[in-house]
PDB file of all heavy atoms in Angstrom:
ATOM      1  N   ILE A   1       0.831  -1.190   0.059  1.00  0.00           N
ATOM      2  CA  ILE A   1       0.009  -0.071   0.023  1.00  0.00           C
ATOM      3  C   ILE A   1       0.864   1.281  -0.023  1.00  0.00           C
ATOM      4  O   ILE A   1       0.646   2.263  -0.615  1.00  0.00           O
ATOM      5  CB  ILE A   1      -0.880  -0.017   1.225  1.00  0.00           C
ATOM      6  CG1 ILE A   1      -1.902  -1.152   1.191  1.00  0.00           C
ATOM      7  CG2 ILE A   1      -1.748   1.341   1.253  1.00  0.00           C
ATOM      8  CD1 ILE A   1      -2.928  -1.127   0.097  1.00  0.00           C
ATOM      9  N   ARG A   2       1.918   1.216   0.781  1.00  0.00           N
ATOM     10  CA  ARG A   2       2.912   2.369   0.847  1.00  0.00           C
ATOM     11  C   ARG A   2       3.454   2.633  -0.599  1.00  0.00           C
ATOM     12  O   ARG A   2       3.574   3.820  -1.025  1.00  0.00           O
ATOM     13  CB  ARG A   2       4.025   2.010   1.834  1.00  0.00           C
ATOM     14  CG  ARG A   2       4.845   3.394   2.052  1.00  0.00           C
ATOM     15  CD  ARG A   2       6.181   3.033   2.646  1.00  0.00           C
ATOM     16  NE  ARG A   2       7.075   2.389   1.573  1.00  0.00           N
ATOM     17  CZ  ARG A   2       7.583   3.065   0.524  1.00  0.00           C
ATOM     18  NH1 ARG A   2       7.487   4.416   0.469  1.00  0.00           N
ATOM     19  NH2 ARG A   2       8.427   2.444  -0.337  1.00  0.00           N
ATOM     20  N   ARG A   3       3.751   1.617  -1.284  1.00  0.00           N
ATOM     21  CA  ARG A   3       4.400   1.818  -2.624  1.00  0.00           C
ATOM     22  C   ARG A   3       3.436   2.431  -3.503  1.00  0.00           C
ATOM     23  O   ARG A   3       3.587   3.164  -4.396  1.00  0.00           O
ATOM     24  CB  ARG A   3       4.932   0.517  -3.255  1.00  0.00           C
ATOM     25  CG  ARG A   3       6.160  -0.019  -2.470  1.00  0.00           C
ATOM     26  CD  ARG A   3       6.792  -1.152  -3.287  1.00  0.00           C
ATOM     27  NE  ARG A   3       7.900  -1.680  -2.640  1.00  0.00           N
ATOM     28  CZ  ARG A   3       8.750  -2.639  -3.035  1.00  0.00           C
ATOM     29  NH1 ARG A   3       8.450  -3.080  -4.291  1.00  0.00           N
ATOM     30  NH2 ARG A   3       9.745  -3.101  -2.316  1.00  0.00           N
ATOM     31  N   GLY A   4       2.073   1.903  -3.347  1.00  0.00           N
ATOM     32  CA  GLY A   4       1.026   2.579  -4.124  1.00  0.00           C
ATOM     33  C   GLY A   4       0.712   4.073  -3.879  1.00  0.00           C
ATOM     34  O   GLY A   4       0.600   4.765  -4.772  1.00  0.00           O
ATOM     35  N   VAL A   5       0.890   4.373  -2.628  1.00  0.00           N
ATOM     36  CA  VAL A   5       0.683   5.717  -2.307  1.00  0.00           C
ATOM     37  C   VAL A   5       1.910   6.564  -2.818  1.00  0.00           C
ATOM     38  O   VAL A   5       1.729   7.766  -3.466  1.00  0.00           O
ATOM     39  CB  VAL A   5       0.785   5.926  -0.760  1.00  0.00           C
ATOM     40  CG1 VAL A   5       0.842   7.415  -0.349  1.00  0.00           C
ATOM     41  CG2 VAL A   5      -0.536   5.341  -0.186  1.00  0.00           C
ATOM     42  N   ALA A   6       3.219   6.045  -2.807  1.00  0.00           N
ATOM     43  CA  ALA A   6       4.313   6.672  -3.319  1.00  0.00           C
ATOM     44  C   ALA A   6       4.312   6.914  -4.754  1.00  0.00           C
ATOM     45  O   ALA A   6       4.810   7.934  -5.296  1.00  0.00           O
ATOM     46  CB  ALA A   6       5.660   5.955  -2.917  1.00  0.00           C
ATOM     47  N   ALA A   7       3.674   6.048  -5.449  1.00  0.00           N
ATOM     48  CA  ALA A   7       3.557   6.042  -6.905  1.00  0.00           C
ATOM     49  C   ALA A   7       2.722   7.255  -7.369  1.00  0.00           C
ATOM     50  O   ALA A   7       2.840   7.858  -8.548  1.00  0.00           O
ATOM     51  CB  ALA A   7       3.011   4.790  -7.463  1.00  0.00           C
ATOM     52  N   ILE A   8       1.802   7.670  -6.477  1.00  0.00           N
ATOM     53  CA  ILE A   8       0.908   8.757  -6.805  1.00  0.00           C
ATOM     54  C   ILE A   8       1.388  10.076  -6.206  1.00  0.00           C
ATOM     55  O   ILE A   8       1.414  11.172  -6.891  1.00  0.00           O
ATOM     56  CB  ILE A   8      -0.569   8.459  -6.300  1.00  0.00           C
ATOM     57  CG1 ILE A   8      -1.071   7.284  -6.989  1.00  0.00           C
ATOM     58  CG2 ILE A   8      -1.500   9.785  -6.484  1.00  0.00           C
ATOM     59  CD1 ILE A   8      -2.342   6.830  -6.439  1.00  0.00           C
ATOM     60  N   LEU A   9       1.720  10.021  -4.864  1.00  0.00           N
ATOM     61  CA  LEU A   9       2.248  11.246  -4.215  1.00  0.00           C
ATOM     62  C   LEU A   9       3.752  11.174  -4.090  1.00  0.00           C
ATOM     63  O   LEU A   9       4.431  10.938  -3.212  1.00  0.00           O
ATOM     64  CB  LEU A   9       1.754  11.338  -2.671  1.00  0.00           C
ATOM     65  CG  LEU A   9       0.116  11.291  -2.609  1.00  0.00           C
ATOM     66  CD1 LEU A   9      -0.212  11.155  -1.198  1.00  0.00           C
ATOM     67  CD2 LEU A   9      -0.522  12.356  -3.315  1.00  0.00           C
ATOM     68  N   THR A  10       4.304  11.535  -5.339  1.00  0.00           N
ATOM     69  CA  THR A  10       5.706  11.434  -5.669  1.00  0.00           C
ATOM     70  C   THR A  10       6.576  12.309  -4.800  1.00  0.00           C
ATOM     71  O   THR A  10       7.809  12.179  -4.642  1.00  0.00           O
ATOM     72  CB  THR A  10       6.103  11.550  -7.046  1.00  0.00           C
ATOM     73  OG1 THR A  10       5.535  12.857  -7.545  1.00  0.00           O
ATOM     74  CG2 THR A  10       5.438  10.397  -7.886  1.00  0.00           C
ATOM     75  N   SER A  11       5.942  13.448  -4.334  1.00  0.00           N
ATOM     76  CA  SER A  11       6.804  14.441  -3.505  1.00  0.00           C
ATOM     77  C   SER A  11       7.060  14.069  -2.118  1.00  0.00           C
ATOM     78  O   SER A  11       7.808  14.743  -1.428  1.00  0.00           O
ATOM     79  CB  SER A  11       6.090  15.804  -3.743  1.00  0.00           C
ATOM     80  OG  SER A  11       4.804  15.704  -3.133  1.00  0.00           O
ATOM     81  N   LEU A  12       6.308  13.007  -1.651  1.00  0.00           N
ATOM     82  CA  LEU A  12       6.336  12.675  -0.234  1.00  0.00           C
ATOM     83  C   LEU A  12       7.509  11.734   0.052  1.00  0.00           C
ATOM     84  O   LEU A  12       7.831  10.869  -0.835  1.00  0.00           O
ATOM     85  CB  LEU A  12       5.073  12.079   0.230  1.00  0.00           C
ATOM     86  CG  LEU A  12       3.906  12.988   0.170  1.00  0.00           C
ATOM     87  CD1 LEU A  12       2.663  12.269   0.826  1.00  0.00           C
ATOM     88  CD2 LEU A  12       4.113  14.323   0.915  1.00  0.00           C
ATOM     89  N   GLY A  13       8.107  11.745   1.187  1.00  0.00           N
ATOM     90  CA  GLY A  13       9.171  10.764   1.588  1.00  0.00           C
ATOM     91  C   GLY A  13       8.620   9.572   2.102  1.00  0.00           C
ATOM     92  O   GLY A  13       7.340   9.385   2.211  1.00  0.00           O
ATOM     93  N   HIS A  14       9.609   8.588   2.453  1.00  0.00           N
ATOM     94  CA  HIS A  14       9.197   7.279   2.896  1.00  0.00           C
ATOM     95  C   HIS A  14       8.311   7.304   4.178  1.00  0.00           C
ATOM     96  O   HIS A  14       7.278   6.591   4.171  1.00  0.00           O
ATOM     97  CB  HIS A  14      10.518   6.412   3.196  1.00  0.00           C
ATOM     98  CG  HIS A  14      10.034   4.993   3.644  1.00  0.00           C
ATOM     99  ND1 HIS A  14       9.834   4.737   4.879  1.00  0.00           N
ATOM    100  CD2 HIS A  14      10.125   3.816   2.970  1.00  0.00           C
ATOM    101  CE1 HIS A  14       9.698   3.426   4.939  1.00  0.00           C
ATOM    102  NE2 HIS A  14       9.720   2.851   3.822  1.00  0.00           N
ATOM    103  N   ASP A  15       8.746   8.129   5.220  1.00  0.00           N
ATOM    104  CA  ASP A  15       7.933   8.146   6.367  1.00  0.00           C
ATOM    105  C   ASP A  15       6.600   8.655   6.137  1.00  0.00           C
ATOM    106  O   ASP A  15       5.686   8.203   6.875  1.00  0.00           O
ATOM    107  CB  ASP A  15       8.696   8.901   7.482  1.00  0.00           C
ATOM    108  CG  ASP A  15       9.942   8.219   7.879  1.00  0.00           C
ATOM    109  OD1 ASP A  15      10.151   7.082   7.689  1.00  0.00           O
ATOM    110  OD2 ASP A  15      10.859   8.929   8.462  1.00  0.00           O
ATOM    111  N   GLU A  16       6.432   9.616   5.341  1.00  0.00           N
ATOM    112  CA  GLU A  16       5.020  10.282   5.138  1.00  0.00           C
ATOM    113  C   GLU A  16       4.094   9.259   4.409  1.00  0.00           C
ATOM    114  O   GLU A  16       2.955   9.132   4.756  1.00  0.00           O
ATOM    115  CB  GLU A  16       5.313  11.533   4.207  1.00  0.00           C
ATOM    116  CG  GLU A  16       5.981  12.657   5.014  1.00  0.00           C
ATOM    117  CD  GLU A  16       6.349  13.836   4.052  1.00  0.00           C
ATOM    118  OE1 GLU A  16       7.116  13.650   3.186  1.00  0.00           O
ATOM    119  OE2 GLU A  16       6.060  14.969   4.405  1.00  0.00           O
ATOM    120  N   THR A  17       4.721   8.465   3.373  1.00  0.00           N
ATOM    121  CA  THR A  17       3.795   7.609   2.721  1.00  0.00           C
ATOM    122  C   THR A  17       3.556   6.480   3.579  1.00  0.00           C
ATOM    123  O   THR A  17       2.423   5.865   3.467  1.00  0.00           O
ATOM    124  CB  THR A  17       4.501   7.224   1.319  1.00  0.00           C
ATOM    125  OG1 THR A  17       5.857   6.581   1.638  1.00  0.00           O
ATOM    126  CG2 THR A  17       4.726   8.359   0.344  1.00  0.00           C
ATOM    127  N   LEU A  18       4.361   6.138   4.462  1.00  0.00           N
ATOM    128  CA  LEU A  18       4.120   4.979   5.371  1.00  0.00           C
ATOM    129  C   LEU A  18       3.035   5.301   6.285  1.00  0.00           C
ATOM    130  O   LEU A  18       2.128   4.523   6.698  1.00  0.00           O
ATOM    131  CB  LEU A  18       5.425   4.713   6.192  1.00  0.00           C
ATOM    132  CG  LEU A  18       5.269   3.527   7.182  1.00  0.00           C
ATOM    133  CD1 LEU A  18       4.937   2.221   6.491  1.00  0.00           C
ATOM    134  CD2 LEU A  18       6.627   3.306   7.957  1.00  0.00           C
ATOM    135  N   GLN A  19       3.045   6.517   6.825  1.00  0.00           N
ATOM    136  CA  GLN A  19       2.016   7.003   7.716  1.00  0.00           C
ATOM    137  C   GLN A  19       0.529   6.986   6.997  1.00  0.00           C
ATOM    138  O   GLN A  19      -0.431   6.523   7.488  1.00  0.00           O
ATOM    139  CB  GLN A  19       2.202   8.420   8.205  1.00  0.00           C
ATOM    140  CG  GLN A  19       1.308   8.906   9.215  1.00  0.00           C
ATOM    141  CD  GLN A  19       1.265   8.023  10.522  1.00  0.00           C
ATOM    142  OE1 GLN A  19       2.248   7.539  11.019  1.00  0.00           O
ATOM    143  NE2 GLN A  19       0.018   7.775  10.990  1.00  0.00           N
ATOM    144  N   ILE A  20       0.500   7.405   5.836  1.00  0.00           N
ATOM    145  CA  ILE A  20      -0.730   7.375   4.993  1.00  0.00           C
ATOM    146  C   ILE A  20      -1.180   5.885   4.815  1.00  0.00           C
ATOM    147  O   ILE A  20      -2.387   5.542   4.913  1.00  0.00           O
ATOM    148  CB  ILE A  20      -0.533   8.072   3.688  1.00  0.00           C
ATOM    149  CG1 ILE A  20      -0.243   9.625   3.883  1.00  0.00           C
ATOM    150  CG2 ILE A  20      -1.771   7.909   2.725  1.00  0.00           C
ATOM    151  CD1 ILE A  20       0.117  10.312   2.630  1.00  0.00           C
ATOM    152  N   ALA A  21      -0.145   5.028   4.416  1.00  0.00           N
ATOM    153  CA  ALA A  21      -0.482   3.654   4.205  1.00  0.00           C
ATOM    154  C   ALA A  21      -1.013   2.992   5.457  1.00  0.00           C
ATOM    155  O   ALA A  21      -1.947   2.152   5.345  1.00  0.00           O
ATOM    156  CB  ALA A  21       0.784   2.910   3.828  1.00  0.00           C
ATOM    157  N   ARG A  22      -0.493   3.327   6.668  1.00  0.00           N
ATOM    158  CA  ARG A  22      -1.007   2.714   7.867  1.00  0.00           C
ATOM    159  C   ARG A  22      -2.536   3.100   8.070  1.00  0.00           C
ATOM    160  O   ARG A  22      -3.314   2.328   8.593  1.00  0.00           O
ATOM    161  CB  ARG A  22      -0.166   3.273   9.082  1.00  0.00           C
ATOM    162  CG  ARG A  22       1.149   2.537   9.260  1.00  0.00           C
ATOM    163  CD  ARG A  22       2.054   3.108  10.310  1.00  0.00           C
ATOM    164  NE  ARG A  22       3.199   2.302  10.455  1.00  0.00           N
ATOM    165  CZ  ARG A  22       4.355   2.889  10.912  1.00  0.00           C
ATOM    166  NH1 ARG A  22       4.413   4.085  11.348  1.00  0.00           N
ATOM    167  NH2 ARG A  22       5.459   2.072  10.987  1.00  0.00           N
ATOM    168  N   THR A  23      -2.830   4.378   7.748  1.00  0.00           N
ATOM    169  CA  THR A  23      -4.176   4.878   7.986  1.00  0.00           C
ATOM    170  C   THR A  23      -5.150   4.125   6.968  1.00  0.00           C
ATOM    171  O   THR A  23      -6.225   3.676   7.341  1.00  0.00           O
ATOM    172  CB  THR A  23      -4.311   6.363   7.655  1.00  0.00           C
ATOM    173  OG1 THR A  23      -3.520   7.074   8.596  1.00  0.00           O
ATOM    174  CG2 THR A  23      -5.762   6.822   7.782  1.00  0.00           C
ATOM    175  N   ILE A  24      -4.633   3.876   5.770  1.00  0.00           N
ATOM    176  CA  ILE A  24      -5.425   3.129   4.813  1.00  0.00           C
ATOM    177  C   ILE A  24      -5.642   1.695   5.256  1.00  0.00           C
ATOM    178  O   ILE A  24      -6.782   1.220   5.182  1.00  0.00           O
ATOM    179  CB  ILE A  24      -4.797   3.178   3.437  1.00  0.00           C
ATOM    180  CG1 ILE A  24      -4.644   4.630   2.830  1.00  0.00           C
ATOM    181  CG2 ILE A  24      -5.401   2.241   2.389  1.00  0.00           C
ATOM    182  CD1 ILE A  24      -3.883   4.742   1.499  1.00  0.00           C
ATOM    183  N   VAL A  25      -4.636   1.014   5.639  1.00  0.00           N
ATOM    184  CA  VAL A  25      -4.725  -0.370   6.083  1.00  0.00           C
ATOM    185  C   VAL A  25      -5.627  -0.560   7.308  1.00  0.00           C
ATOM    186  O   VAL A  25      -6.583  -1.439   7.302  1.00  0.00           O
ATOM    187  CB  VAL A  25      -3.324  -0.911   6.390  1.00  0.00           C
ATOM    188  CG1 VAL A  25      -3.484  -2.392   6.981  1.00  0.00           C
ATOM    189  CG2 VAL A  25      -2.559  -0.983   5.112  1.00  0.00           C
ATOM    190  N   SER A  26      -5.540   0.318   8.326  1.00  0.00           N
ATOM    191  CA  SER A  26      -6.410   0.126   9.460  1.00  0.00           C
ATOM    192  C   SER A  26      -7.818   0.463   9.179  1.00  0.00           C
ATOM    193  O   SER A  26      -8.766  -0.190   9.699  1.00  0.00           O
ATOM    194  CB  SER A  26      -5.899   1.162  10.494  1.00  0.00           C
ATOM    195  OG  SER A  26      -5.955   2.559  10.167  1.00  0.00           O
ATOM    196  N   THR A  27      -8.076   1.415   8.230  1.00  0.00           N
ATOM    197  CA  THR A  27      -9.478   1.627   7.854  1.00  0.00           C
ATOM    198  C   THR A  27     -10.036   0.583   7.101  1.00  0.00           C
ATOM    199  O   THR A  27     -11.132   0.113   7.356  1.00  0.00           O
ATOM    200  CB  THR A  27      -9.496   2.916   7.032  1.00  0.00           C
ATOM    201  OG1 THR A  27      -8.951   4.033   7.679  1.00  0.00           O
ATOM    202  CG2 THR A  27     -10.949   3.306   6.567  1.00  0.00           C
ATOM    203  N   LEU A  28      -9.323  -0.025   6.143  1.00  0.00           N
ATOM    204  CA  LEU A  28      -9.880  -1.200   5.331  1.00  0.00           C
ATOM    205  C   LEU A  28     -10.103  -2.430   6.225  1.00  0.00           C
ATOM    206  O   LEU A  28     -11.059  -3.056   6.190  1.00  0.00           O
ATOM    207  CB  LEU A  28      -8.860  -1.482   4.227  1.00  0.00           C
ATOM    208  CG  LEU A  28      -8.682  -0.524   3.117  1.00  0.00           C
ATOM    209  CD1 LEU A  28      -7.597  -0.913   2.171  1.00  0.00           C
ATOM    210  CD2 LEU A  28     -10.040  -0.448   2.345  1.00  0.00           C
ATOM    211  N   GLU A  29      -9.187  -2.644   7.150  1.00  0.00           N
ATOM    212  CA  GLU A  29      -9.318  -3.821   8.053  1.00  0.00           C
ATOM    213  C   GLU A  29     -10.483  -3.670   9.052  1.00  0.00           C
ATOM    214  O   GLU A  29     -11.056  -4.630   9.501  1.00  0.00           O
ATOM    215  CB  GLU A  29      -7.981  -4.050   8.944  1.00  0.00           C
ATOM    216  CG  GLU A  29      -6.919  -4.555   7.998  1.00  0.00           C
ATOM    217  CD  GLU A  29      -5.558  -4.796   8.741  1.00  0.00           C
ATOM    218  OE1 GLU A  29      -5.445  -4.338   9.795  1.00  0.00           O
ATOM    219  OE2 GLU A  29      -4.721  -5.470   8.211  1.00  0.00           O
ATOM    220  N   SER A  30     -10.898  -2.400   9.224  1.00  0.00           N
ATOM    221  CA  SER A  30     -11.979  -2.141  10.222  1.00  0.00           C
ATOM    222  C   SER A  30     -13.367  -2.364   9.365  1.00  0.00           C
ATOM    223  O   SER A  30     -14.438  -2.382  10.018  1.00  0.00           O
ATOM    224  CB  SER A  30     -12.022  -0.776  10.703  1.00  0.00           C
ATOM    225  OG  SER A  30     -12.250   0.190   9.631  1.00  0.00           O
ATOM    226  N   GLY A  31     -13.278  -2.447   8.066  1.00  0.00           N
ATOM    227  CA  GLY A  31     -14.512  -2.578   7.243  1.00  0.00           C
ATOM    228  C   GLY A  31     -15.075  -1.312   6.872  1.00  0.00           C
ATOM    229  O   GLY A  31     -16.160  -1.339   6.202  1.00  0.00           O
ATOM    230  N   GLU A  32     -14.570  -0.163   7.289  1.00  0.00           N
ATOM    231  CA  GLU A  32     -14.993   1.181   6.875  1.00  0.00           C
ATOM    232  C   GLU A  32     -14.571   1.471   5.441  1.00  0.00           C
ATOM    233  O   GLU A  32     -13.466   1.088   5.037  1.00  0.00           O
ATOM    234  CB  GLU A  32     -14.534   2.287   7.878  1.00  0.00           C
ATOM    235  CG  GLU A  32     -15.069   2.076   9.241  1.00  0.00           C
ATOM    236  CD  GLU A  32     -16.551   2.248   9.291  1.00  0.00           C
ATOM    237  OE1 GLU A  32     -17.051   3.229   8.652  1.00  0.00           O
ATOM    238  OE2 GLU A  32     -17.210   1.521  10.125  1.00  0.00           O
ATOM    239  N   PRO A  33     -15.379   2.186   4.723  1.00  0.00           N
ATOM    240  CA  PRO A  33     -14.930   2.599   3.306  1.00  0.00           C
ATOM    241  C   PRO A  33     -13.926   3.855   3.526  1.00  0.00           C
ATOM    242  O   PRO A  33     -13.876   4.437   4.421  1.00  0.00           O
ATOM    243  CB  PRO A  33     -16.263   3.087   2.712  1.00  0.00           C
ATOM    244  CG  PRO A  33     -17.123   3.464   3.894  1.00  0.00           C
ATOM    245  CD  PRO A  33     -16.867   2.556   4.936  1.00  0.00           C
ATOM    246  N   ILE A  34     -13.087   3.812   2.467  1.00  0.00           N
ATOM    247  CA  ILE A  34     -11.992   4.826   2.411  1.00  0.00           C
ATOM    248  C   ILE A  34     -11.925   5.286   0.936  1.00  0.00           C
ATOM    249  O   ILE A  34     -11.990   4.529   0.038  1.00  0.00           O
ATOM    250  CB  ILE A  34     -10.623   4.458   2.978  1.00  0.00           C
ATOM    251  CG1 ILE A  34      -9.697   5.685   3.075  1.00  0.00           C
ATOM    252  CG2 ILE A  34     -10.173   3.297   2.155  1.00  0.00           C
ATOM    253  CD1 ILE A  34      -8.484   5.305   3.955  1.00  0.00           C
ATOM    254  N   GLU A  35     -11.624   6.589   0.837  1.00  0.00           N
ATOM    255  CA  GLU A  35     -11.521   7.123  -0.476  1.00  0.00           C
ATOM    256  C   GLU A  35     -10.098   7.307  -0.934  1.00  0.00           C
ATOM    257  O   GLU A  35      -9.289   7.756  -0.212  1.00  0.00           O
ATOM    258  CB  GLU A  35     -12.171   8.623  -0.623  1.00  0.00           C
ATOM    259  CG  GLU A  35     -13.719   8.445  -0.542  1.00  0.00           C
ATOM    260  CD  GLU A  35     -14.515   9.616  -0.790  1.00  0.00           C
ATOM    261  OE1 GLU A  35     -13.774  10.775  -0.779  1.00  0.00           O
ATOM    262  OE2 GLU A  35     -15.692   9.630  -0.875  1.00  0.00           O
ATOM    263  N   LEU A  36      -9.747   6.694  -2.039  1.00  0.00           N
ATOM    264  CA  LEU A  36      -8.255   6.636  -2.582  1.00  0.00           C
ATOM    265  C   LEU A  36      -8.251   7.218  -3.942  1.00  0.00           C
ATOM    266  O   LEU A  36      -9.113   6.992  -4.708  1.00  0.00           O
ATOM    267  CB  LEU A  36      -7.782   5.271  -2.594  1.00  0.00           C
ATOM    268  CG  LEU A  36      -7.921   4.433  -1.255  1.00  0.00           C
ATOM    269  CD1 LEU A  36      -7.525   2.970  -1.353  1.00  0.00           C
ATOM    270  CD2 LEU A  36      -7.084   5.196  -0.148  1.00  0.00           C
ATOM    271  N   MET A  37      -7.095   7.912  -4.136  1.00  0.00           N
ATOM    272  CA  MET A  37      -6.950   8.448  -5.523  1.00  0.00           C
ATOM    273  C   MET A  37      -6.081   7.504  -6.359  1.00  0.00           C
ATOM    274  O   MET A  37      -5.135   6.972  -5.812  1.00  0.00           O
ATOM    275  CB  MET A  37      -6.220   9.971  -5.432  1.00  0.00           C
ATOM    276  CG  MET A  37      -6.051  10.503  -6.750  1.00  0.00           C
ATOM    277  SD  MET A  37      -5.592  12.223  -6.642  1.00  0.00           S
ATOM    278  CE  MET A  37      -7.046  13.086  -6.208  1.00  0.00           C
ATOM    279  N   THR A  38      -6.405   7.444  -7.517  1.00  0.00           N
ATOM    280  CA  THR A  38      -5.662   6.551  -8.544  1.00  0.00           C
ATOM    281  C   THR A  38      -4.742   7.348  -9.448  1.00  0.00           C
ATOM    282  O   THR A  38      -4.898   8.593  -9.569  1.00  0.00           O
ATOM    283  CB  THR A  38      -6.633   5.717  -9.367  1.00  0.00           C
ATOM    284  OG1 THR A  38      -7.165   6.667 -10.306  1.00  0.00           O
ATOM    285  CG2 THR A  38      -7.715   5.105  -8.518  1.00  0.00           C
TER     286      THR A  38
END
């Protein structure tokens, strides 16, 4: 998921994309919907 975020938000560093990825994963695992950009 982090690599997917990095592919879109190319200006962000590793730690920033990792933090976003953690939010995405935790939301998906909770069963709640989340909006993602492609």
